[in-house]
C-alpha atoms as a PDB file:
ATOM      1  CA  MET A   1      77.897   4.423  44.426  1.00  0.00           C
ATOM      2  CA  SER A   2      75.934   6.913  42.331  1.00  0.00           C
ATOM      3  CA  PHE A   3      73.355   5.643  39.850  1.00  0.00           C
ATOM      4  CA  SER A   4      72.897   9.051  38.240  1.00  0.00           C
ATOM      5  CA  ASP A   5      71.334   8.687  34.756  1.00  0.00           C
ATOM      6  CA  LYS A   6      70.747   4.954  35.317  1.00  0.00           C
ATOM      7  CA  VAL A   7      67.259   3.563  34.697  1.00  0.00           C
ATOM      8  CA  VAL A   8      66.119   0.954  37.206  1.00  0.00           C
ATOM      9  CA  ILE A   9      62.935  -1.119  37.249  1.00  0.00           C
ATOM     10  CA  VAL A  10      61.895  -2.507  40.642  1.00  0.00           C
ATOM     11  CA  THR A  11      58.927  -4.870  40.685  1.00  0.00           C
ATOM     12  CA  GLY A  12      56.935  -5.510  43.839  1.00  0.00           C
ATOM     13  CA  ALA A  13      57.829  -1.957  44.852  1.00  0.00           C
ATOM     14  CA  SER A  14      54.694  -1.066  46.782  1.00  0.00           C
ATOM     15  CA  SER A  15      56.109  -2.328  50.091  1.00  0.00           C
ATOM     16  CA  GLY A  16      58.850  -4.299  51.808  1.00  0.00           C
ATOM     17  CA  ILE A  17      62.092  -5.035  49.985  1.00  0.00           C
ATOM     18  CA  GLY A  18      60.871  -3.472  46.752  1.00  0.00           C
ATOM     19  CA  ALA A  19      59.870  -0.197  48.382  1.00  0.00           C
ATOM     20  CA  ALA A  20      63.131   0.021  50.332  1.00  0.00           C
ATOM     21  CA  THR A  21      65.132  -0.731  47.182  1.00  0.00           C
ATOM     22  CA  ALA A  22      63.307   1.919  45.164  1.00  0.00           C
ATOM     23  CA  LEU A  23      64.034   4.486  47.869  1.00  0.00           C
ATOM     24  CA  LEU A  24      67.721   3.557  48.020  1.00  0.00           C
ATOM     25  CA  PHE A  25      68.113   3.829  44.241  1.00  0.00           C
ATOM     26  CA  SER A  26      66.320   7.193  44.357  1.00  0.00           C
ATOM     27  CA  LYS A  27      68.796   8.446  46.959  1.00  0.00           C
ATOM     28  CA  GLU A  28      71.544   7.518  44.481  1.00  0.00           C
ATOM     29  CA  LYS A  29      69.831   9.688  41.823  1.00  0.00           C
ATOM     30  CA  ALA A  30      68.637   6.843  39.594  1.00  0.00           C
ATOM     31  CA  ASN A  31      65.573   7.121  37.396  1.00  0.00           C
ATOM     32  CA  VAL A  32      63.436   4.525  39.141  1.00  0.00           C
ATOM     33  CA  VAL A  33      60.422   2.707  37.734  1.00  0.00           C
ATOM     34  CA  ILE A  34      58.288   1.351  40.561  1.00  0.00           C
ATOM     35  CA  VAL A  35      55.913  -1.481  39.718  1.00  0.00           C
ATOM     36  CA  GLY A  36      53.190  -2.901  41.932  1.00  0.00           C
ATOM     37  CA  ARG A  37      49.509  -3.696  42.239  1.00  0.00           C
ATOM     38  CA  ASN A  38      48.550  -1.616  45.295  1.00  0.00           C
ATOM     39  CA  GLU A  39      47.907   1.931  44.086  1.00  0.00           C
ATOM     40  CA  ALA A  40      47.655   3.456  47.556  1.00  0.00           C
ATOM     41  CA  LYS A  41      50.976   1.984  48.674  1.00  0.00           C
ATOM     42  CA  LEU A  42      52.653   3.001  45.403  1.00  0.00           C
ATOM     43  CA  LYS A  43      51.638   6.617  46.098  1.00  0.00           C
ATOM     44  CA  VAL A  44      53.366   6.441  49.473  1.00  0.00           C
ATOM     45  CA  VAL A  45      56.563   5.063  47.929  1.00  0.00           C
ATOM     46  CA  THR A  46      56.406   7.699  45.183  1.00  0.00           C
ATOM     47  CA  ALA A  47      56.288  10.498  47.746  1.00  0.00           C
ATOM     48  CA  GLN A  48      59.221   8.996  49.666  1.00  0.00           C
ATOM     49  CA  CYS A  49      61.313   8.717  46.500  1.00  0.00           C
ATOM     50  CA  GLU A  50      60.511  12.288  45.462  1.00  0.00           C
ATOM     51  CA  GLU A  51      61.769  13.567  48.806  1.00  0.00           C
ATOM     52  CA  VAL A  52      65.275  12.206  48.192  1.00  0.00           C
ATOM     53  CA  GLY A  53      65.643  11.998  44.405  1.00  0.00           C
ATOM     54  CA  ASN A  54      63.925  12.023  41.053  1.00  0.00           C
ATOM     55  CA  LYS A  55      60.204  11.464  40.731  1.00  0.00           C
ATOM     56  CA  PRO A  56      59.752   7.770  39.865  1.00  0.00           C
ATOM     57  CA  LEU A  57      57.761   6.431  36.961  1.00  0.00           C
ATOM     58  CA  VAL A  58      54.839   4.599  38.552  1.00  0.00           C
ATOM     59  CA  ILE A  59      53.376   1.585  36.756  1.00  0.00           C
ATOM     60  CA  ARG A  60      50.466  -0.163  38.394  1.00  0.00           C
ATOM     61  CA  ALA A  61      50.654  -3.658  36.932  1.00  0.00           C
ATOM     62  CA  ASP A  62      50.481  -7.363  37.657  1.00  0.00           C
ATOM     63  CA  VAL A  63      53.769  -8.876  36.458  1.00  0.00           C
ATOM     64  CA  SER A  64      52.109 -12.264  35.946  1.00  0.00           C
ATOM     65  CA  ASP A  65      49.953 -10.798  33.157  1.00  0.00           C
ATOM     66  CA  ASP A  66      51.852 -10.957  29.841  1.00  0.00           C
ATOM     67  CA  ASP A  67      50.287  -7.793  28.426  1.00  0.00           C
ATOM     68  CA  GLU A  68      51.025  -5.832  31.567  1.00  0.00           C
ATOM     69  CA  ALA A  69      54.600  -7.142  31.670  1.00  0.00           C
ATOM     70  CA  ALA A  70      55.112  -5.877  28.126  1.00  0.00           C
ATOM     71  CA  ARG A  71      53.626  -2.529  29.154  1.00  0.00           C
ATOM     72  CA  ILE A  72      56.170  -2.233  31.975  1.00  0.00           C
ATOM     73  CA  ILE A  73      59.067  -2.473  29.550  1.00  0.00           C
ATOM     74  CA  ASN A  74      57.430  -0.385  26.825  1.00  0.00           C
ATOM     75  CA  GLU A  75      56.536   2.499  29.148  1.00  0.00           C
ATOM     76  CA  THR A  76      60.021   2.481  30.621  1.00  0.00           C
ATOM     77  CA  ILE A  77      61.682   2.732  27.206  1.00  0.00           C
ATOM     78  CA  GLU A  78      59.186   5.360  26.023  1.00  0.00           C
ATOM     79  CA  LYS A  79      59.958   7.484  29.099  1.00  0.00           C
ATOM     80  CA  TYR A  80      63.721   7.038  29.438  1.00  0.00           C
ATOM     81  CA  GLY A  81      64.920   5.472  26.190  1.00  0.00           C
ATOM     82  CA  LYS A  82      66.915   2.744  27.927  1.00  0.00           C
ATOM     83  CA  LEU A  83      67.086   0.249  30.792  1.00  0.00           C
ATOM     84  CA  ASP A  84      70.139  -0.375  32.982  1.00  0.00           C
ATOM     85  CA  VAL A  85      68.939  -2.497  35.905  1.00  0.00           C
ATOM     86  CA  LEU A  86      66.040  -4.907  36.353  1.00  0.00           C
ATOM     87  CA  VAL A  87      65.204  -5.969  39.911  1.00  0.00           C
ATOM     88  CA  ASN A  88      62.770  -8.896  39.823  1.00  0.00           C
ATOM     89  CA  ASN A  89      61.435  -8.613  43.345  1.00  0.00           C
ATOM     90  CA  ALA A  90      57.703  -9.277  42.977  1.00  0.00           C
ATOM     91  CA  GLY A  91      56.694 -12.558  44.543  1.00  0.00           C
ATOM     92  CA  ILE A  92      53.994 -14.226  46.602  1.00  0.00           C
ATOM     93  CA  MET A  93      54.061 -16.835  49.365  1.00  0.00           C
ATOM     94  CA  ARG A  94      51.550 -19.548  50.103  1.00  0.00           C
ATOM     95  CA  SER A  95      51.783 -22.554  52.409  1.00  0.00           C
ATOM     96  CA  GLY A  96      50.792 -26.067  51.454  1.00  0.00           C
ATOM     97  CA  THR A  97      51.958 -29.614  52.118  1.00  0.00           C
ATOM     98  CA  LEU A  98      51.293 -33.086  50.793  1.00  0.00           C
ATOM     99  CA  VAL A  99      49.424 -33.973  53.963  1.00  0.00           C
ATOM    100  CA  ASP A 100      47.097 -30.975  53.997  1.00  0.00           C
ATOM    101  CA  GLY A 101      46.439 -31.473  50.281  1.00  0.00           C
ATOM    102  CA  ARG A 102      47.340 -27.921  49.232  1.00  0.00           C
ATOM    103  CA  ALA A 103      50.786 -28.455  47.692  1.00  0.00           C
ATOM    104  CA  VAL A 104      49.651 -28.482  44.046  1.00  0.00           C
ATOM    105  CA  GLN A 105      47.189 -25.621  44.480  1.00  0.00           C
ATOM    106  CA  SER A 106      49.841 -23.471  46.165  1.00  0.00           C
ATOM    107  CA  PHE A 107      52.459 -24.300  43.547  1.00  0.00           C
ATOM    108  CA  ASP A 108      50.132 -23.454  40.652  1.00  0.00           C
ATOM    109  CA  GLU A 109      49.291 -20.122  42.247  1.00  0.00           C
ATOM    110  CA  MET A 110      52.883 -19.120  43.016  1.00  0.00           C
ATOM    111  CA  VAL A 111      54.684 -20.331  39.917  1.00  0.00           C
ATOM    112  CA  LYS A 112      52.915 -17.713  37.778  1.00  0.00           C
ATOM    113  CA  THR A 113      54.408 -14.836  39.753  1.00  0.00           C
ATOM    114  CA  ASN A 114      57.557 -16.300  41.287  1.00  0.00           C
ATOM    115  CA  VAL A 115      58.929 -18.002  38.173  1.00  0.00           C
ATOM    116  CA  ARG A 116      57.053 -17.484  34.918  1.00  0.00           C
ATOM    117  CA  ALA A 117      56.644 -13.731  35.370  1.00  0.00           C
ATOM    118  CA  VAL A 118      60.359 -13.341  36.099  1.00  0.00           C
ATOM    119  CA  ILE A 119      61.323 -15.310  32.996  1.00  0.00           C
ATOM    120  CA  ASN A 120      58.910 -13.322  30.842  1.00  0.00           C
ATOM    121  CA  LEU A 121      59.901  -9.882  32.145  1.00  0.00           C
ATOM    122  CA  THR A 122      63.592 -10.734  31.890  1.00  0.00           C
ATOM    123  CA  GLN A 123      63.164 -11.919  28.317  1.00  0.00           C
ATOM    124  CA  LEU A 124      61.345  -8.687  27.413  1.00  0.00           C
ATOM    125  CA  ALA A 125      64.050  -6.603  29.101  1.00  0.00           C
ATOM    126  CA  THR A 126      67.046  -8.490  27.699  1.00  0.00           C
ATOM    127  CA  PRO A 127      67.501  -6.544  24.397  1.00  0.00           C
ATOM    128  CA  HIS A 128      67.535  -3.266  26.335  1.00  0.00           C
ATOM    129  CA  ILE A 129      69.809  -4.560  29.116  1.00  0.00           C
ATOM    130  CA  ILE A 130      72.269  -5.800  26.483  1.00  0.00           C
ATOM    131  CA  LYS A 131      72.444  -2.334  24.939  1.00  0.00           C
ATOM    132  CA  THR A 132      73.460  -0.756  28.244  1.00  0.00           C
ATOM    133  CA  LYS A 133      75.540  -3.728  29.454  1.00  0.00           C
ATOM    134  CA  GLY A 134      73.432  -3.551  32.564  1.00  0.00           C
ATOM    135  CA  ASN A 135      72.475  -6.172  35.089  1.00  0.00           C
ATOM    136  CA  ILE A 136      69.598  -8.185  36.497  1.00  0.00           C
ATOM    137  CA  ILE A 137      68.952  -9.081  40.121  1.00  0.00           C
ATOM    138  CA  ASN A 138      66.388 -11.698  41.138  1.00  0.00           C
ATOM    139  CA  ILE A 139      65.068 -11.827  44.689  1.00  0.00           C
ATOM    140  CA  SER A 140      64.737 -15.449  45.744  1.00  0.00           C
ATOM    141  CA  SER A 141      64.793 -17.095  49.200  1.00  0.00           C
ATOM    142  CA  VAL A 142      66.776 -19.493  51.344  1.00  0.00           C
ATOM    143  CA  ALA A 143      63.687 -21.704  51.032  1.00  0.00           C
ATOM    144  CA  GLY A 144      64.910 -22.408  47.497  1.00  0.00           C
ATOM    145  CA  MET A 145      68.197 -23.740  48.867  1.00  0.00           C
ATOM    146  CA  ARG A 146      67.186 -25.617  52.031  1.00  0.00           C
ATOM    147  CA  VAL A 147      64.151 -27.631  53.098  1.00  0.00           C
ATOM    148  CA  LEU A 148      62.728 -25.940  56.168  1.00  0.00           C
ATOM    149  CA  ARG A 149      61.185 -27.799  59.091  1.00  0.00           C
ATOM    150  CA  GLY A 150      57.494 -28.596  58.778  1.00  0.00           C
ATOM    151  CA  ASN A 151      57.657 -28.471  54.995  1.00  0.00           C
ATOM    152  CA  ILE A 152      55.017 -25.710  54.834  1.00  0.00           C
ATOM    153  CA  PHE A 153      57.205 -23.959  52.279  1.00  0.00           C
ATOM    154  CA  LEU A 154      57.312 -27.010  49.984  1.00  0.00           C
ATOM    155  CA  ALA A 155      55.716 -25.321  46.960  1.00  0.00           C
ATOM    156  CA  TYR A 156      57.222 -21.912  47.717  1.00  0.00           C
ATOM    157  CA  GLY A 157      60.694 -23.428  47.981  1.00  0.00           C
ATOM    158  CA  MET A 158      60.314 -25.197  44.644  1.00  0.00           C
ATOM    159  CA  THR A 159      59.469 -21.918  42.899  1.00  0.00           C
ATOM    160  CA  LYS A 160      62.470 -20.235  44.473  1.00  0.00           C
ATOM    161  CA  ALA A 161      64.764 -23.160  43.594  1.00  0.00           C
ATOM    162  CA  ALA A 162      63.666 -22.691  39.989  1.00  0.00           C
ATOM    163  CA  LEU A 163      64.420 -18.981  40.265  1.00  0.00           C
ATOM    164  CA  ASN A 164      67.927 -19.718  41.574  1.00  0.00           C
ATOM    165  CA  TYR A 165      68.561 -21.990  38.582  1.00  0.00           C
ATOM    166  CA  PHE A 166      67.209 -19.321  36.248  1.00  0.00           C
ATOM    167  CA  SER A 167      69.567 -16.687  37.673  1.00  0.00           C
ATOM    168  CA  GLU A 168      72.625 -18.856  37.124  1.00  0.00           C
ATOM    169  CA  ALA A 169      71.514 -19.876  33.636  1.00  0.00           C
ATOM    170  CA  CYS A 170      70.839 -16.256  32.647  1.00  0.00           C
ATOM    171  CA  ALA A 171      74.274 -15.206  33.861  1.00  0.00           C
ATOM    172  CA  LYS A 172      75.928 -17.825  31.670  1.00  0.00           C
ATOM    173  CA  GLU A 173      73.893 -16.891  28.594  1.00  0.00           C
ATOM    174  CA  LEU A 174      74.277 -13.128  28.925  1.00  0.00           C
ATOM    175  CA  ALA A 175      77.893 -12.919  30.096  1.00  0.00           C
ATOM    176  CA  SER A 176      79.223 -12.609  26.548  1.00  0.00           C
ATOM    177  CA  TYR A 177      77.030  -9.513  26.118  1.00  0.00           C
ATOM    178  CA  GLY A 178      78.521  -7.825  29.161  1.00  0.00           C
ATOM    179  CA  VAL A 179      75.398  -8.362  31.285  1.00  0.00           C
ATOM    180  CA  ARG A 180      75.631  -9.538  34.887  1.00  0.00           C
ATOM    181  CA  VAL A 181      72.885 -11.571  36.603  1.00  0.00           C
ATOM    182  CA  ASN A 182      72.717 -12.431  40.301  1.00  0.00           C
ATOM    183  CA  GLY A 183      70.187 -13.729  42.797  1.00  0.00           C
ATOM    184  CA  ILE A 184      69.678 -12.850  46.440  1.00  0.00           C
ATOM    185  CA  CYS A 185      68.328 -15.428  48.891  1.00  0.00           C
ATOM    186  CA  PRO A 186      67.090 -13.762  52.080  1.00  0.00           C
ATOM    187  CA  GLY A 187      66.116 -15.639  55.198  1.00  0.00           C
ATOM    188  CA  PRO A 188      63.552 -14.105  57.570  1.00  0.00           C
ATOM    189  CA  VAL A 189      62.887 -10.454  56.672  1.00  0.00           C
ATOM    190  CA  VAL A 190      60.612  -7.958  58.395  1.00  0.00           C
ATOM    191  CA  THR A 191      58.098  -7.252  55.589  1.00  0.00           C
ATOM    192  CA  ASP A 192      54.368  -7.634  55.003  1.00  0.00           C
ATOM    193  CA  ILE A 193      54.785 -10.729  52.792  1.00  0.00           C
ATOM    194  CA  LEU A 194      53.677 -12.988  55.658  1.00  0.00           C
ATOM    195  CA  GLU A 195      50.682 -10.762  56.294  1.00  0.00           C
ATOM    196  CA  ASN A 196      49.714 -11.138  52.635  1.00  0.00           C
ATOM    197  CA  SER A 197      50.498 -14.858  52.480  1.00  0.00           C
ATOM    198  CA  LYS A 198      47.495 -16.174  54.401  1.00  0.00           C
ATOM    199  CA  ILE A 199      49.900 -18.385  56.385  1.00  0.00           C
ATOM    200  CA  LYS A 200      48.758 -19.098  59.928  1.00  0.00           C
ATOM    201  CA  MET A 201      51.043 -18.286  62.860  1.00  0.00           C
ATOM    202  CA  GLU A 202      51.045 -21.888  64.073  1.00  0.00           C
ATOM    203  CA  GLU A 203      52.413 -22.944  60.685  1.00  0.00           C
ATOM    204  CA  LEU A 204      55.306 -20.507  61.065  1.00  0.00           C
ATOM    205  CA  LYS A 205      56.074 -21.903  64.503  1.00  0.00           C
ATOM    206  CA  ASP A 206      56.299 -25.359  62.949  1.00  0.00           C
ATOM    207  CA  ALA A 207      58.873 -24.029  60.473  1.00  0.00           C
ATOM    208  CA  ASN A 208      61.035 -22.872  63.423  1.00  0.00           C
ATOM    209  CA  MET A 209      63.003 -20.277  61.445  1.00  0.00           C
ATOM    210  CA  SER A 210      65.526 -19.310  64.146  1.00  0.00           C
ATOM    211  CA  THR A 211      68.812 -17.541  63.398  1.00  0.00           C
ATOM    212  CA  ILE A 212      72.129 -17.658  65.203  1.00  0.00           C
ATOM    213  CA  SER A 213      72.076 -13.865  65.446  1.00  0.00           C
ATOM    214  CA  ASN A 214      68.555 -14.001  66.912  1.00  0.00           C
ATOM    215  CA  ARG A 215      67.199 -11.422  64.481  1.00  0.00           C
ATOM    216  CA  SER A 216      65.550 -10.973  61.116  1.00  0.00           C
ATOM    217  CA  SER A 217      66.858  -8.736  58.351  1.00  0.00           C
ATOM    218  CA  THR A 218      65.280  -5.416  57.465  1.00  0.00           C
ATOM    219  CA  SER A 219      64.139  -4.584  53.948  1.00  0.00           C
ATOM    220  CA  GLU A 220      66.845  -1.910  53.799  1.00  0.00           C
ATOM    221  CA  GLU A 221      69.563  -4.519  54.401  1.00  0.00           C
ATOM    222  CA  ILE A 222      68.401  -6.498  51.382  1.00  0.00           C
ATOM    223  CA  GLY A 223      68.097  -3.266  49.408  1.00  0.00           C
ATOM    224  CA  ASN A 224      71.683  -2.316  50.195  1.00  0.00           C
ATOM    225  CA  LEU A 225      72.895  -5.655  48.854  1.00  0.00           C
ATOM    226  CA  ILE A 226      70.820  -5.123  45.697  1.00  0.00           C
ATOM    227  CA  LEU A 227      72.419  -1.705  45.189  1.00  0.00           C
ATOM    228  CA  TYR A 228      75.908  -3.102  45.639  1.00  0.00           C
ATOM    229  CA  LEU A 229      75.349  -5.945  43.168  1.00  0.00           C
ATOM    230  CA  ALA A 230      73.909  -3.476  40.645  1.00  0.00           C
ATOM    231  CA  SER A 231      76.873  -1.124  40.989  1.00  0.00           C
ATOM    232  CA  ASP A 232      80.204  -1.061  39.160  1.00  0.00           C
ATOM    233  CA  LYS A 233      81.854  -2.041  42.446  1.00  0.00           C
ATOM    234  CA  ALA A 234      80.471  -5.559  41.885  1.00  0.00           C
ATOM    235  CA  VAL A 235      81.787  -5.840  38.332  1.00  0.00           C
ATOM    236  CA  GLY A 236      83.258  -9.289  38.992  1.00  0.00           C
ATOM    237  CA  MET A 237      80.128 -10.702  40.608  1.00  0.00           C
ATOM    238  CA  THR A 238      77.759 -12.666  38.391  1.00  0.00           C
ATOM    239  CA  GLY A 239      76.079 -16.058  38.278  1.00  0.00           C
ATOM    240  CA  SER A 240      75.710 -16.362  42.043  1.00  0.00           C
ATOM    241  CA  ASN A 241      72.882 -16.566  44.557  1.00  0.00           C
ATOM    242  CA  TYR A 242      73.847 -14.590  47.645  1.00  0.00           C
ATOM    243  CA  VAL A 243      72.479 -15.699  51.017  1.00  0.00           C
ATOM    244  CA  ILE A 244      71.591 -13.098  53.632  1.00  0.00           C
ATOM    245  CA  ASP A 245      69.851 -14.989  56.435  1.00  0.00           C
ATOM    246  CA  ASN A 246      71.485 -14.001  59.753  1.00  0.00           C
ATOM    247  CA  GLY A 247      72.742 -17.584  60.101  1.00  0.00           C
ATOM    248  CA  LEU A 248      69.433 -19.380  59.688  1.00  0.00           C
ATOM    249  CA  LEU A 249      69.057 -22.510  61.773  1.00  0.00           C
ATOM    250  CA  VAL A 250      67.021 -25.381  60.364  1.00  0.00           C
ATOM    251  CA  LEU A 251      66.075 -27.501  63.335  1.00  0.00           C
ATOM    252  CA  ASN A 252      64.676 -30.964  62.730  1.00  0.00           C
END
């Protein structure tokens, strides 16, 4: 499953799923562009990628900023002359319900990164992806497909539901150009997104996110699915949102 000579952008690559995905693509000899906001963490990921593959192009940027999104694409094309794979992984999580009065505030904060930024970056990348007949992978969540107990993910789930719709719509529009688009909807994953989310532990207990396999996925597991969907082995796979949740149980 070599990605030799392929150019891959991974957003949200400073940690978690993005970092693991960047490392996996590097092992497959891709030219990886890692995008994130945390400079210190990006340096760590850069060193890890260099150990196993090509030195990545590092772009410290906030994908929700239109100018910085344009810079991501422009610097990639200036460096490599093309773009084969776009992994829209950057996202944030905030809690908020109707009762606690934070649903609108949380939605407004998340929609910029979880939805609008993905649409914008994908639109900017589309002419280049069409040229290479490449593919796009959007990292969503099972929260966009199912209402979880406690409803603390109300606003988060709405942004991810929009992202799922966007993935399917993109696949239909770009299919005639030879471009594939898929989404991935993880359940619980061991990453630092919860640490960065400002969500309290008691709120997570209310959500009761148990799985039938009694485990959470690792970032590498999600990364391996991303690599497969981006590869020629998945040539017939487009327009779908793939669930990887260890058999998530939603208990009422």
